[in-house]
Protein backbone atom coordinates (compact mmCIF):
# COMPACT_ATOMS: atom_id res chain seq x y z
CA MET A 1 -24.58 -16.12 -12.33
CA PRO A 2 -25.12 -18.27 -9.28
CA PRO A 3 -28.04 -17.45 -7.00
CA GLY A 4 -27.20 -15.13 -4.13
CA PRO A 5 -25.82 -11.62 -3.67
CA ILE A 6 -23.31 -11.88 -6.52
CA GLY A 7 -26.18 -12.62 -8.91
CA ASN A 8 -28.26 -9.70 -7.62
CA PRO A 9 -26.21 -6.51 -7.99
CA GLY A 10 -27.62 -3.32 -6.55
CA GLU A 11 -28.37 -0.15 -8.48
CA ALA A 12 -25.06 1.45 -7.49
CA SER A 13 -23.17 -1.56 -8.87
CA LEU A 14 -25.07 -1.42 -12.15
CA GLN A 15 -24.44 2.34 -12.48
CA ALA A 16 -20.74 1.82 -11.78
CA ALA A 17 -20.58 -0.87 -14.46
CA LEU A 18 -22.33 1.37 -17.00
CA ALA A 19 -20.29 4.48 -16.20
CA PRO A 20 -17.02 3.43 -14.52
CA ALA A 21 -14.77 6.00 -12.91
CA GLU A 22 -11.89 7.16 -15.09
CA THR A 23 -8.61 6.35 -13.36
CA ASP A 24 -5.09 5.27 -14.23
CA TYR A 25 -5.24 2.31 -11.85
CA LEU A 26 -4.16 -0.98 -13.38
CA TYR A 27 -3.82 -3.08 -10.22
CA PHE A 28 -5.72 -3.71 -7.01
CA VAL A 29 -5.34 -5.89 -3.94
CA ALA A 30 -7.54 -6.35 -0.87
CA ASN A 31 -6.66 -4.29 2.19
CA ALA A 32 -7.95 -6.88 4.72
CA HIS A 33 -10.54 -4.37 5.99
CA GLY A 34 -13.17 -4.79 3.28
CA GLY A 35 -11.58 -2.34 0.85
CA HIS A 36 -8.75 -2.27 -1.64
CA PHE A 37 -5.36 -0.72 -2.31
CA PHE A 38 -5.13 0.57 -5.89
CA ALA A 39 -1.96 1.16 -7.91
CA GLU A 40 -0.95 2.60 -11.25
CA THR A 41 2.37 0.74 -11.54
CA LEU A 42 3.59 -2.77 -10.85
CA ALA A 43 6.06 -1.41 -8.28
CA GLU A 44 3.21 0.28 -6.36
CA HIS A 45 1.16 -2.90 -6.61
CA ASN A 46 3.99 -5.01 -5.20
CA ARG A 47 4.27 -2.60 -2.24
CA ASN A 48 0.51 -2.93 -1.70
CA VAL A 49 0.77 -6.73 -1.79
CA ALA A 50 3.45 -6.51 0.90
CA ARG A 51 1.14 -4.24 2.94
CA TYR A 52 -1.68 -6.79 2.58
CA ARG A 53 0.58 -9.62 3.70
CA ARG A 54 1.69 -7.62 6.75
CA LEU A 55 -1.98 -7.01 7.65
CA LEU A 56 -2.75 -10.73 7.34
CA ALA A 57 0.15 -11.46 9.68
CA GLY A 58 -1.29 -9.03 12.26
CA ARG A 59 1.34 -6.36 11.70
CA PRO A 60 0.78 -2.71 10.70
CA ALA A 61 0.32 -2.20 6.96
CA ASP A 62 2.88 0.59 6.96
CA PRO A 63 5.69 -0.16 9.41
CA GLU A 64 7.45 2.70 11.11
CA PRO A 65 10.49 3.83 9.14
CA PRO A 66 13.82 3.13 10.81
CA PRO A 67 15.17 6.03 12.85
CA ALA A 68 17.45 8.38 11.01
CA PRO A 69 21.11 7.88 11.92
CA ALA A 70 22.42 10.37 14.44
CA HIS A 71 24.85 12.84 13.01
CA ARG A 72 28.32 11.95 14.10
CA ARG A 73 31.00 14.48 14.50
CA LYS A 74 34.39 13.31 13.53
CA ALA A 75 36.79 13.57 16.41
CA ARG A 76 39.50 16.02 15.59
CA ARG A 77 42.95 14.79 16.31
CA LYS A 78 45.27 17.23 17.88
CA SER A 79 48.33 17.72 15.88
CA HIS A 80 51.54 16.91 17.69
CA LEU A 81 53.38 19.15 15.28
CA ARG A 82 53.17 22.84 15.85
């Protein structure tokens, strides 16, 4: 290991390496805030990558969903035949 912090892990890091948490996560990507997004599937991971890219571009990680379409009532045609 090179000299510096990466070559001098703390006790918490050593404990985590000796007894890692049991999870189903297979993928991770940075969250641009010093943490990570974790995912169990490739589809989830790809969504997290998109979130990361939005953060890097200065946009919200989770954009607002589009507004739901307003319910339209069908105009009833008056029958000319009675």
